[in-house]
Amino acid sequence: METFLTVLMALGIYVVLPLIVAAMVCGAVVWRAKLRAGRTEEATTGTEVEELVHHPAKIQQ
């Protein structure tokens, strides 16, 4: 019985715990990328409008 519990604990520490940590890290990376994409989209839209007002020739590009 002790061997079974030891194996179960080792699986929890060396297999499940790293998977949980990896999932948290990936989730944080995706979350930050979504936030950055939203901010970039807003900033790009405002910047493009300003550029087109000042440089109408860029509309064709």
N, C-alpha and C. Protein backbone atom coordinates (compact mmCIF):
# COMPACT_ATOMS: atom_id res chain seq x y z
N MET A 1 0.82 -1.20 0.00
CA MET A 1 0.00 0.00 0.00
C MET A 1 0.86 1.26 0.00
N GLU A 2 1.96 1.22 0.75
CA GLU A 2 2.84 2.39 0.78
C GLU A 2 3.46 2.65 -0.58
N THR A 3 3.79 1.57 -1.29
CA THR A 3 4.37 1.72 -2.63
C THR A 3 3.37 2.38 -3.57
N PHE A 4 2.11 1.97 -3.49
CA PHE A 4 1.08 2.56 -4.33
C PHE A 4 0.93 4.05 -4.04
N LEU A 5 0.92 4.41 -2.78
CA LEU A 5 0.80 5.82 -2.42
C LEU A 5 2.02 6.61 -2.86
N THR A 6 3.19 5.99 -2.77
CA THR A 6 4.41 6.66 -3.21
C THR A 6 4.37 6.91 -4.71
N VAL A 7 3.94 5.91 -5.47
CA VAL A 7 3.83 6.06 -6.93
C VAL A 7 2.79 7.12 -7.26
N LEU A 8 1.67 7.10 -6.57
CA LEU A 8 0.62 8.08 -6.80
C LEU A 8 1.11 9.49 -6.51
N MET A 9 1.85 9.65 -5.42
CA MET A 9 2.40 10.96 -5.06
C MET A 9 3.44 11.40 -6.09
N ALA A 10 4.27 10.48 -6.55
CA ALA A 10 5.28 10.83 -7.56
C ALA A 10 4.60 11.26 -8.86
N LEU A 11 3.54 10.58 -9.25
CA LEU A 11 2.81 10.98 -10.45
C LEU A 11 2.22 12.38 -10.28
N GLY A 12 1.71 12.65 -9.11
CA GLY A 12 1.14 13.97 -8.85
C GLY A 12 2.19 15.06 -8.91
N ILE A 13 3.36 14.78 -8.36
CA ILE A 13 4.40 15.81 -8.31
C ILE A 13 5.10 15.97 -9.65
N TYR A 14 5.41 14.87 -10.31
CA TYR A 14 6.25 14.93 -11.52
C TYR A 14 5.47 14.95 -12.83
N VAL A 15 4.18 14.65 -12.81
CA VAL A 15 3.40 14.62 -14.04
C VAL A 15 2.28 15.65 -14.01
N VAL A 16 1.43 15.57 -13.02
CA VAL A 16 0.24 16.43 -12.98
C VAL A 16 0.61 17.87 -12.66
N LEU A 17 1.46 18.08 -11.69
CA LEU A 17 1.83 19.45 -11.31
C LEU A 17 2.47 20.23 -12.45
N PRO A 18 3.44 19.66 -13.19
CA PRO A 18 3.98 20.41 -14.34
C PRO A 18 2.94 20.70 -15.42
N LEU A 19 1.98 19.79 -15.61
CA LEU A 19 0.92 20.04 -16.58
C LEU A 19 0.04 21.21 -16.14
N ILE A 20 -0.25 21.28 -14.86
CA ILE A 20 -1.05 22.39 -14.34
C ILE A 20 -0.30 23.71 -14.50
N VAL A 21 0.98 23.70 -14.18
CA VAL A 21 1.80 24.91 -14.32
C VAL A 21 1.88 25.32 -15.79
N ALA A 22 2.08 24.36 -16.69
CA ALA A 22 2.16 24.67 -18.12
C ALA A 22 0.84 25.25 -18.62
N ALA A 23 -0.28 24.71 -18.16
CA ALA A 23 -1.59 25.24 -18.56
C ALA A 23 -1.78 26.67 -18.07
N MET A 24 -1.33 26.95 -16.86
CA MET A 24 -1.45 28.31 -16.33
C MET A 24 -0.58 29.28 -17.13
N VAL A 25 0.63 28.87 -17.46
CA VAL A 25 1.52 29.73 -18.24
C VAL A 25 0.95 29.99 -19.63
N CYS A 26 0.47 28.93 -20.29
CA CYS A 26 -0.12 29.11 -21.62
C CYS A 26 -1.35 30.00 -21.56
N GLY A 27 -2.16 29.83 -20.54
CA GLY A 27 -3.34 30.68 -20.38
C GLY A 27 -2.96 32.13 -20.20
N ALA A 28 -1.94 32.38 -19.41
CA ALA A 28 -1.49 33.76 -19.19
C ALA A 28 -0.94 34.36 -20.48
N VAL A 29 -0.21 33.58 -21.26
CA VAL A 29 0.35 34.08 -22.53
C VAL A 29 -0.78 34.42 -23.50
N VAL A 30 -1.77 33.54 -23.61
CA VAL A 30 -2.89 33.80 -24.52
C VAL A 30 -3.68 35.02 -24.07
N TRP A 31 -3.91 35.12 -22.77
CA TRP A 31 -4.66 36.26 -22.21
C TRP A 31 -3.94 37.57 -22.51
N ARG A 32 -2.62 37.59 -22.28
CA ARG A 32 -1.85 38.81 -22.56
C ARG A 32 -1.84 39.14 -24.05
N ALA A 33 -1.76 38.12 -24.89
CA ALA A 33 -1.77 38.35 -26.34
C ALA A 33 -3.10 38.95 -26.78
N LYS A 34 -4.20 38.48 -26.19
CA LYS A 34 -5.51 39.04 -26.53
C LYS A 34 -5.59 40.50 -26.10
N LEU A 35 -5.09 40.80 -24.91
CA LEU A 35 -5.11 42.18 -24.44
C LEU A 35 -4.26 43.06 -25.35
N ARG A 36 -3.07 42.58 -25.71
CA ARG A 36 -2.18 43.35 -26.57
C ARG A 36 -2.80 43.55 -27.95
N ALA A 37 -3.45 42.52 -28.49
CA ALA A 37 -4.08 42.63 -29.80
C ALA A 37 -5.19 43.67 -29.77
N GLY A 38 -5.95 43.69 -28.69
CA GLY A 38 -7.01 44.69 -28.57
C GLY A 38 -6.46 46.09 -28.51
N ARG A 39 -5.41 46.27 -27.74
CA ARG A 39 -4.80 47.61 -27.63
C ARG A 39 -4.17 48.02 -28.96
N THR A 40 -3.52 47.08 -29.62
CA THR A 40 -2.87 47.39 -30.90
C THR A 40 -3.91 47.75 -31.95
N GLU A 41 -5.02 47.03 -31.95
CA GLU A 41 -6.08 47.31 -32.92
C GLU A 41 -6.64 48.72 -32.71
N GLU A 42 -6.89 49.08 -31.46
CA GLU A 42 -7.40 50.42 -31.18
C GLU A 42 -6.38 51.49 -31.57
N ALA A 43 -5.13 51.26 -31.22
CA ALA A 43 -4.09 52.25 -31.52
C ALA A 43 -3.86 52.35 -33.03
N THR A 44 -3.88 51.21 -33.71
CA THR A 44 -3.66 51.21 -35.15
C THR A 44 -4.78 51.96 -35.86
N THR A 45 -6.00 51.74 -35.43
CA THR A 45 -7.13 52.41 -36.06
C THR A 45 -7.00 53.92 -35.92
N GLY A 46 -6.68 54.38 -34.72
CA GLY A 46 -6.51 55.81 -34.51
C GLY A 46 -5.34 56.37 -35.28
N THR A 47 -4.24 55.65 -35.32
CA THR A 47 -3.04 56.10 -36.03
C THR A 47 -3.30 56.15 -37.52
N GLU A 48 -3.96 55.13 -38.06
CA GLU A 48 -4.24 55.10 -39.49
C GLU A 48 -5.13 56.27 -39.90
N VAL A 49 -6.11 56.58 -39.09
CA VAL A 49 -7.00 57.70 -39.41
C VAL A 49 -6.21 59.00 -39.44
N GLU A 50 -5.35 59.20 -38.45
CA GLU A 50 -4.54 60.42 -38.42
C GLU A 50 -3.61 60.49 -39.63
N GLU A 51 -2.99 59.36 -39.99
CA GLU A 51 -2.08 59.36 -41.14
C GLU A 51 -2.82 59.67 -42.44
N LEU A 52 -4.01 59.10 -42.59
CA LEU A 52 -4.77 59.34 -43.81
C LEU A 52 -5.23 60.79 -43.90
N VAL A 53 -5.50 61.42 -42.77
CA VAL A 53 -5.89 62.82 -42.79
C VAL A 53 -4.71 63.68 -43.22
N HIS A 54 -3.52 63.36 -42.73
CA HIS A 54 -2.33 64.17 -43.03
C HIS A 54 -1.69 63.79 -44.36
N HIS A 55 -1.84 62.52 -44.79
CA HIS A 55 -1.20 62.05 -46.02
C HIS A 55 -2.24 61.29 -46.86
N PRO A 56 -3.09 61.98 -47.58
CA PRO A 56 -4.14 61.30 -48.36
C PRO A 56 -3.61 60.35 -49.43
N ALA A 57 -2.37 60.53 -49.87
CA ALA A 57 -1.82 59.66 -50.91
C ALA A 57 -1.65 58.22 -50.41
N LYS A 58 -1.61 58.01 -49.11
CA LYS A 58 -1.42 56.67 -48.56
C LYS A 58 -2.68 55.82 -48.66
N ILE A 59 -3.79 56.39 -49.06
CA ILE A 59 -5.03 55.63 -49.14
C ILE A 59 -4.91 54.51 -50.16
N GLN A 60 -4.19 54.73 -51.25
CA GLN A 60 -4.07 53.73 -52.30
C GLN A 60 -3.21 52.54 -51.88
N GLN A 61 -2.38 52.66 -50.89
CA GLN A 61 -1.48 51.58 -50.49
C GLN A 61 -2.23 50.53 -49.82
